[in-house]
Protein backbone atom coordinates (compact mmCIF):
# COMPACT_ATOMS: atom_id res chain seq x y z
CA UNK A 1 3.31 -49.03 -65.51
CA UNK A 2 3.90 -46.00 -66.72
CA UNK A 3 0.75 -44.64 -65.24
CA UNK A 4 2.01 -46.09 -61.39
CA UNK A 5 5.15 -43.64 -62.40
CA UNK A 6 3.44 -40.63 -62.90
CA UNK A 7 1.10 -41.05 -59.93
CA UNK A 8 4.34 -41.65 -57.96
CA UNK A 9 6.34 -38.73 -59.29
CA UNK A 10 2.92 -36.09 -58.54
CA UNK A 11 2.95 -37.43 -54.96
CA UNK A 12 6.78 -36.88 -54.47
CA UNK A 13 5.97 -33.29 -56.31
CA UNK A 14 3.14 -32.39 -54.07
CA UNK A 15 5.12 -33.54 -50.82
CA UNK A 16 7.34 -31.15 -51.47
CA UNK A 17 5.53 -28.44 -52.01
CA UNK A 18 3.61 -28.84 -48.39
CA UNK A 19 4.96 -27.02 -46.10
CA UNK A 20 6.98 -29.07 -43.17
CA UNK A 21 4.58 -29.17 -39.58
CA UNK A 22 6.46 -27.37 -37.15
CA UNK A 23 5.63 -28.58 -33.60
CA UNK A 24 6.34 -26.18 -31.02
CA UNK A 25 7.44 -27.24 -27.61
CA UNK A 26 5.35 -24.40 -26.00
CA UNK A 27 1.45 -24.88 -26.15
CA UNK A 28 -0.64 -22.32 -28.42
CA UNK A 29 -3.36 -20.77 -26.18
CA UNK A 30 -6.79 -22.05 -26.84
CA UNK A 31 -9.95 -19.67 -26.88
CA UNK A 32 -10.73 -20.41 -23.26
CA UNK A 33 -6.75 -19.25 -22.29
CA UNK A 34 -5.85 -15.62 -22.04
CA UNK A 35 -3.49 -14.98 -24.87
CA UNK A 36 -1.55 -12.49 -22.73
CA UNK A 37 -0.49 -13.46 -18.81
CA UNK A 38 1.20 -10.43 -16.87
CA UNK A 39 1.86 -11.54 -13.96
CA UNK A 40 0.64 -14.99 -11.75
CA UNK A 41 -0.80 -14.26 -8.61
CA UNK A 42 0.19 -16.37 -5.68
CA UNK A 43 -2.49 -17.47 -3.49
CA UNK A 44 -1.08 -17.51 0.09
CA UNK A 45 -2.58 -20.42 2.41
CA UNK A 46 -4.98 -19.36 5.05
CA UNK A 47 -3.26 -19.25 8.35
CA UNK A 48 -4.50 -20.04 11.99
CA UNK A 49 -2.56 -17.92 13.99
CA UNK A 50 -0.98 -20.20 17.30
CA UNK A 51 -2.24 -19.50 20.41
CA UNK A 52 -0.05 -16.41 21.85
CA UNK A 53 0.40 -15.10 18.53
CA UNK A 54 -1.18 -13.16 15.37
CA UNK A 55 -1.07 -13.21 11.77
CA UNK A 56 -0.21 -10.21 9.46
CA UNK A 57 -1.20 -10.71 5.51
CA UNK A 58 -1.30 -8.50 2.55
CA UNK A 59 0.06 -7.57 -0.47
CA UNK A 60 2.70 -4.59 -1.36
CA UNK A 61 1.99 -3.16 -5.12
CA UNK A 62 4.44 -4.80 -7.13
CA UNK A 63 4.98 -1.70 -9.56
CA UNK A 64 6.21 0.27 -6.60
CA UNK A 65 9.15 -2.25 -5.49
CA UNK A 66 11.73 -0.27 -6.58
CA UNK A 67 14.08 -3.56 -6.77
CA UNK A 68 14.32 -5.74 -9.51
CA UNK A 69 16.07 -9.55 -9.48
CA UNK A 70 16.33 -9.67 -5.67
CA UNK A 71 14.88 -11.35 -3.07
CA UNK A 72 12.39 -9.06 -1.49
CA UNK A 73 11.75 -9.32 2.15
CA UNK A 74 9.13 -7.64 4.48
CA UNK A 75 9.83 -7.17 8.40
CA UNK A 76 7.83 -6.45 11.07
CA UNK A 77 9.95 -3.74 13.37
CA UNK A 78 8.41 -3.26 16.97
CA UNK A 79 6.79 0.09 17.37
CA UNK A 80 7.32 2.15 20.71
CA UNK A 81 4.74 4.36 22.04
CA UNK A 82 6.49 8.00 23.29
CA UNK A 83 3.30 9.95 23.41
CA UNK A 84 0.23 8.40 22.87
CA UNK A 85 -0.38 5.96 20.14
CA UNK A 86 0.56 8.09 17.04
CA UNK A 87 4.19 9.12 18.36
CA UNK A 88 6.96 6.77 18.95
CA UNK A 89 9.39 5.47 17.26
CA UNK A 90 10.87 1.66 15.67
CA UNK A 91 13.76 0.20 15.29
CA UNK A 92 14.71 -3.05 13.28
CA UNK A 93 17.15 -5.39 14.22
CA UNK A 94 16.93 -8.24 11.52
CA UNK A 95 18.42 -11.11 13.61
CA UNK A 96 15.32 -10.85 16.25
CA UNK A 97 12.22 -9.45 14.57
CA UNK A 98 10.11 -10.90 12.08
CA UNK A 99 10.72 -11.39 8.40
CA UNK A 100 9.26 -13.21 5.47
CA UNK A 101 9.36 -13.34 1.89
CA UNK A 102 7.20 -11.01 -0.44
CA UNK A 103 6.43 -13.42 -3.42
CA UNK A 104 7.11 -12.09 -7.20
CA UNK A 105 3.09 -10.41 -7.05
CA UNK A 106 3.66 -8.57 -3.69
CA UNK A 107 1.94 -11.46 -1.51
CA UNK A 108 3.08 -11.74 2.06
CA UNK A 109 2.70 -13.25 5.46
CA UNK A 110 3.65 -13.56 8.73
CA UNK A 111 2.32 -16.53 10.90
CA UNK A 112 3.41 -16.04 14.36
CA UNK A 113 3.90 -12.41 15.36
CA UNK A 114 3.87 -11.64 19.14
CA UNK A 115 0.44 -9.18 19.78
CA UNK A 116 1.58 -5.68 19.86
CA UNK A 117 2.70 -2.77 17.60
CA UNK A 118 4.51 -2.87 14.25
CA UNK A 119 5.81 -0.86 11.05
CA UNK A 120 6.34 -2.86 8.11
CA UNK A 121 9.61 -2.44 6.18
CA UNK A 122 9.91 -3.61 2.65
CA UNK A 123 13.53 -4.09 1.02
CA UNK A 124 16.37 -6.81 -0.22
CA UNK A 125 18.51 -5.97 2.80
CA UNK A 126 17.55 -4.02 6.24
CA UNK A 127 19.83 -1.14 5.35
CA UNK A 128 17.99 -0.84 1.51
CA UNK A 129 14.34 -1.13 3.37
CA UNK A 130 11.67 1.28 3.19
CA UNK A 131 8.97 1.45 5.61
CA UNK A 132 5.42 1.18 4.51
CA UNK A 133 3.81 4.80 5.37
CA UNK A 134 0.84 6.87 5.32
CA UNK A 135 0.66 10.54 4.68
CA UNK A 136 4.64 10.50 4.99
CA UNK A 137 5.34 8.85 8.35
CA UNK A 138 5.57 4.91 9.01
CA UNK A 139 2.54 3.27 9.42
CA UNK A 140 1.72 1.53 12.63
CA UNK A 141 -0.08 -1.94 12.69
CA UNK A 142 -0.95 -3.12 15.64
CA UNK A 143 -2.34 -6.73 16.07
CA UNK A 144 -3.69 -8.63 18.87
CA UNK A 145 -3.02 -11.99 20.61
CA UNK A 146 -4.64 -14.62 17.57
CA UNK A 147 -6.00 -12.07 15.01
CA UNK A 148 -5.61 -12.01 11.53
CA UNK A 149 -4.80 -8.76 10.57
CA UNK A 150 -5.31 -8.57 6.26
CA UNK A 151 -3.57 -5.07 5.92
CA UNK A 152 -4.74 -5.16 1.77
CA UNK A 153 -2.85 -4.03 -1.09
CA UNK A 154 -0.09 -0.95 0.25
CA UNK A 155 2.17 0.95 -1.76
CA UNK A 156 5.42 2.16 -1.31
CA UNK A 157 5.26 5.60 -3.09
């Protein structure tokens, strides 16, 4: 009987010396997973333009977005030529011009834009928005009927 008590005492002592097992609700990365995930990339679905419209898609470099913690929108402001194709003006009227949301990774996609020339303007509100530029001037994007225009990755700097 004393041997049984000694054995039971040894087991209790060993159990007291073993650190408790902590179970985390957060999964532990495995060798197959990357230990650092900086930003999840959003994949936009492929879209076929509706007859009489076009699609404009691309990505705004997220590190050039100066607004944090706000929803960011991109507007397609129609461009009107004055002299040739290079000179003209655009005017943004957010209640009637195409608008879409910029995803956290900077991806965006307009799905039903009328054919024409546009300046893309990015910001949380129309008043704070900034035009995508090239060589210090607002860049003009032209789309034709049934075209899918991928402008690639652009910077706001």
